[in-house]
C-alpha atoms as a PDB file:
ATOM      1  CA  UNK A   1       1.008 -19.814  13.471  1.00  0.00           C
ATOM      2  CA  UNK A   2       3.383 -19.955  10.598  1.00  0.00           C
ATOM      3  CA  UNK A   3       6.931 -21.117  10.112  1.00  0.00           C
ATOM      4  CA  UNK A   4       9.406 -18.285  10.737  1.00  0.00           C
ATOM      5  CA  UNK A   5      12.086 -17.990   8.066  1.00  0.00           C
ATOM      6  CA  UNK A   6      14.979 -15.729   7.112  1.00  0.00           C
ATOM      7  CA  UNK A   7      16.414 -15.043   3.680  1.00  0.00           C
ATOM      8  CA  UNK A   8      19.695 -16.816   3.008  1.00  0.00           C
ATOM      9  CA  UNK A   9      22.575 -15.668   0.780  1.00  0.00           C
ATOM     10  CA  UNK A  10      21.306 -17.786  -2.123  1.00  0.00           C
ATOM     11  CA  UNK A  11      17.970 -15.975  -2.136  1.00  0.00           C
ATOM     12  CA  UNK A  12      16.129 -18.861  -0.512  1.00  0.00           C
ATOM     13  CA  UNK A  13      14.474 -19.149   2.858  1.00  0.00           C
ATOM     14  CA  UNK A  14      15.820 -20.951   5.913  1.00  0.00           C
ATOM     15  CA  UNK A  15      13.590 -21.881   8.874  1.00  0.00           C
ATOM     16  CA  UNK A  16      14.514 -20.408  12.265  1.00  0.00           C
ATOM     17  CA  UNK A  17      13.417 -21.082  15.829  1.00  0.00           C
ATOM     18  CA  UNK A  18      11.330 -18.099  16.875  1.00  0.00           C
ATOM     19  CA  UNK A  19       8.100 -17.084  18.519  1.00  0.00           C
ATOM     20  CA  UNK A  20       5.930 -14.848  16.358  1.00  0.00           C
ATOM     21  CA  UNK A  21       3.885 -12.356  18.376  1.00  0.00           C
ATOM     22  CA  UNK A  22       0.530 -12.352  16.597  1.00  0.00           C
ATOM     23  CA  UNK A  23      -0.456  -8.914  17.888  1.00  0.00           C
ATOM     24  CA  UNK A  24       2.778  -7.274  16.754  1.00  0.00           C
ATOM     25  CA  UNK A  25       2.604  -9.132  13.438  1.00  0.00           C
ATOM     26  CA  UNK A  26      -0.951  -7.874  12.894  1.00  0.00           C
ATOM     27  CA  UNK A  27       0.148  -4.329  13.739  1.00  0.00           C
ATOM     28  CA  UNK A  28       3.098  -4.474  11.341  1.00  0.00           C
ATOM     29  CA  UNK A  29       0.964  -5.880   8.542  1.00  0.00           C
ATOM     30  CA  UNK A  30      -1.757  -3.275   9.099  1.00  0.00           C
ATOM     31  CA  UNK A  31       0.763  -0.433   9.207  1.00  0.00           C
ATOM     32  CA  UNK A  32       2.626  -1.714   6.151  1.00  0.00           C
ATOM     33  CA  UNK A  33      -0.492  -1.887   3.974  1.00  0.00           C
ATOM     34  CA  UNK A  34      -1.789   1.466   5.259  1.00  0.00           C
ATOM     35  CA  UNK A  35      -4.910   0.085   6.922  1.00  0.00           C
ATOM     36  CA  UNK A  36      -7.194   2.559   8.676  1.00  0.00           C
ATOM     37  CA  UNK A  37      -8.454   0.080  11.271  1.00  0.00           C
ATOM     38  CA  UNK A  38      -6.921  -2.802  13.215  1.00  0.00           C
ATOM     39  CA  UNK A  39      -8.990  -5.386  15.086  1.00  0.00           C
ATOM     40  CA  UNK A  40      -7.143  -7.411  17.727  1.00  0.00           C
ATOM     41  CA  UNK A  41      -9.147 -10.413  18.867  1.00  0.00           C
ATOM     42  CA  UNK A  42      -8.985 -11.972  22.308  1.00  0.00           C
ATOM     43  CA  UNK A  43     -11.139 -14.135  24.557  1.00  0.00           C
ATOM     44  CA  UNK A  44     -12.759 -11.234  26.433  1.00  0.00           C
ATOM     45  CA  UNK A  45     -15.228  -8.632  25.125  1.00  0.00           C
ATOM     46  CA  UNK A  46     -13.208  -5.555  26.176  1.00  0.00           C
ATOM     47  CA  UNK A  47     -10.126  -4.274  27.961  1.00  0.00           C
ATOM     48  CA  UNK A  48     -10.535  -3.585  31.682  1.00  0.00           C
ATOM     49  CA  UNK A  49      -8.707  -1.459  34.212  1.00  0.00           C
ATOM     50  CA  UNK A  50      -7.838  -2.848  37.648  1.00  0.00           C
ATOM     51  CA  UNK A  51      -8.280  -6.422  36.393  1.00  0.00           C
ATOM     52  CA  UNK A  52      -9.415  -8.923  39.045  1.00  0.00           C
ATOM     53  CA  UNK A  53      -9.927  -6.292  41.736  1.00  0.00           C
ATOM     54  CA  UNK A  54     -13.137  -4.939  43.267  1.00  0.00           C
ATOM     55  CA  UNK A  55     -12.561  -1.786  41.161  1.00  0.00           C
ATOM     56  CA  UNK A  56     -12.415  -3.654  37.817  1.00  0.00           C
ATOM     57  CA  UNK A  57     -14.123  -1.650  35.080  1.00  0.00           C
ATOM     58  CA  UNK A  58     -14.350  -1.947  31.303  1.00  0.00           C
ATOM     59  CA  UNK A  59     -12.868   0.627  28.946  1.00  0.00           C
ATOM     60  CA  UNK A  60     -15.036   1.418  25.939  1.00  0.00           C
ATOM     61  CA  UNK A  61     -12.661   3.996  24.440  1.00  0.00           C
ATOM     62  CA  UNK A  62      -9.268   5.502  25.216  1.00  0.00           C
ATOM     63  CA  UNK A  63      -6.678   7.524  23.377  1.00  0.00           C
ATOM     64  CA  UNK A  64      -3.242   6.185  22.498  1.00  0.00           C
ATOM     65  CA  UNK A  65      -1.809   8.511  25.167  1.00  0.00           C
ATOM     66  CA  UNK A  66      -4.163   7.091  27.807  1.00  0.00           C
ATOM     67  CA  UNK A  67      -3.305   3.549  26.733  1.00  0.00           C
ATOM     68  CA  UNK A  68       0.415   4.333  27.015  1.00  0.00           C
ATOM     69  CA  UNK A  69      -0.133   5.769  30.503  1.00  0.00           C
ATOM     70  CA  UNK A  70      -2.052   2.667  31.610  1.00  0.00           C
ATOM     71  CA  UNK A  71       0.700   0.435  30.180  1.00  0.00           C
ATOM     72  CA  UNK A  72       3.327   2.349  32.180  1.00  0.00           C
ATOM     73  CA  UNK A  73       1.204   1.917  35.310  1.00  0.00           C
ATOM     74  CA  UNK A  74       1.192  -1.859  34.812  1.00  0.00           C
ATOM     75  CA  UNK A  75      -2.538  -2.067  34.097  1.00  0.00           C
ATOM     76  CA  UNK A  76      -2.055  -4.480  31.183  1.00  0.00           C
ATOM     77  CA  UNK A  77       0.223  -7.434  31.980  1.00  0.00           C
ATOM     78  CA  UNK A  78       2.833  -8.758  29.565  1.00  0.00           C
ATOM     79  CA  UNK A  79       1.700 -12.023  28.023  1.00  0.00           C
ATOM     80  CA  UNK A  80      -1.917 -10.990  28.465  1.00  0.00           C
ATOM     81  CA  UNK A  81      -3.528  -7.705  27.427  1.00  0.00           C
ATOM     82  CA  UNK A  82      -0.227  -5.788  27.355  1.00  0.00           C
ATOM     83  CA  UNK A  83       0.914  -6.919  23.887  1.00  0.00           C
ATOM     84  CA  UNK A  84      -2.506  -6.139  22.402  1.00  0.00           C
ATOM     85  CA  UNK A  85      -2.549  -2.608  23.807  1.00  0.00           C
ATOM     86  CA  UNK A  86       1.085  -2.060  22.743  1.00  0.00           C
ATOM     87  CA  UNK A  87       0.249  -3.237  19.207  1.00  0.00           C
ATOM     88  CA  UNK A  88      -2.790  -0.946  19.100  1.00  0.00           C
ATOM     89  CA  UNK A  89      -0.737   2.091  20.153  1.00  0.00           C
ATOM     90  CA  UNK A  90       2.008   1.262  17.653  1.00  0.00           C
ATOM     91  CA  UNK A  91      -0.576   0.907  14.879  1.00  0.00           C
ATOM     92  CA  UNK A  92      -1.951   4.373  15.664  1.00  0.00           C
ATOM     93  CA  UNK A  93       1.558   5.837  15.946  1.00  0.00           C
ATOM     94  CA  UNK A  94       2.225   4.525  12.429  1.00  0.00           C
ATOM     95  CA  UNK A  95      -0.764   6.187  10.782  1.00  0.00           C
ATOM     96  CA  UNK A  96      -3.707   3.979  11.724  1.00  0.00           C
ATOM     97  CA  UNK A  97      -7.002   5.642  12.594  1.00  0.00           C
ATOM     98  CA  UNK A  98      -8.631   3.131  14.953  1.00  0.00           C
ATOM     99  CA  UNK A  99      -7.612   0.007  16.860  1.00  0.00           C
ATOM    100  CA  UNK A 100     -10.220  -2.235  18.448  1.00  0.00           C
ATOM    101  CA  UNK A 101      -9.723  -4.966  21.043  1.00  0.00           C
ATOM    102  CA  UNK A 102     -12.595  -7.398  21.528  1.00  0.00           C
ATOM    103  CA  UNK A 103     -13.704 -11.012  21.224  1.00  0.00           C
ATOM    104  CA  UNK A 104     -14.400 -12.601  17.813  1.00  0.00           C
ATOM    105  CA  UNK A 105     -18.152 -12.655  18.312  1.00  0.00           C
ATOM    106  CA  UNK A 106     -18.185  -8.885  18.955  1.00  0.00           C
ATOM    107  CA  UNK A 107     -15.781  -7.759  16.195  1.00  0.00           C
ATOM    108  CA  UNK A 108     -18.400  -6.253  13.878  1.00  0.00           C
ATOM    109  CA  UNK A 109     -20.212  -4.465  16.688  1.00  0.00           C
ATOM    110  CA  UNK A 110     -16.884  -3.192  18.035  1.00  0.00           C
ATOM    111  CA  UNK A 111     -15.980  -1.597  14.700  1.00  0.00           C
ATOM    112  CA  UNK A 112     -19.377   0.113  14.759  1.00  0.00           C
ATOM    113  CA  UNK A 113     -18.606   1.489  18.240  1.00  0.00           C
ATOM    114  CA  UNK A 114     -21.166  -0.715  19.959  1.00  0.00           C
ATOM    115  CA  UNK A 115     -18.844  -3.107  21.793  1.00  0.00           C
ATOM    116  CA  UNK A 116     -15.240  -3.785  22.746  1.00  0.00           C
ATOM    117  CA  UNK A 117     -12.497  -1.265  23.457  1.00  0.00           C
ATOM    118  CA  UNK A 118     -11.716   1.368  20.830  1.00  0.00           C
ATOM    119  CA  UNK A 119      -8.290   2.998  20.942  1.00  0.00           C
ATOM    120  CA  UNK A 120      -7.982   6.224  18.968  1.00  0.00           C
ATOM    121  CA  UNK A 121      -5.161   8.642  18.216  1.00  0.00           C
ATOM    122  CA  UNK A 122      -6.594  11.488  20.244  1.00  0.00           C
ATOM    123  CA  UNK A 123      -7.748  15.014  19.520  1.00  0.00           C
ATOM    124  CA  UNK A 124      -4.275  16.117  18.414  1.00  0.00           C
ATOM    125  CA  UNK A 125      -4.066  13.338  15.808  1.00  0.00           C
ATOM    126  CA  UNK A 126      -1.155  11.656  17.560  1.00  0.00           C
END
């Protein structure tokens, strides 16, 4: 992580106590620079539904609308996969084309559509 700071009245920077959410920071940076793609790395190869149940299943692709629905259903816990999925949806809502969630070793393959979870805007572009 970095050291969070705020601008002071003299034009300098003052350190502040804060927790920087790396997923949201990545989303904001990607949206600000107009990136087409956002890769969010984690310690698992893909997002799953019904995590730690007999019905657990991987998601290879979903739309932002589907991701939002799954978030509302509590499929992706806060402090775990939830912030990554929220960041992915926000990135797409702010003009991004593709968000990928995967592990570092699968990042390249995930961008090529061969691994990980791809989150896309949807057929209506939003």
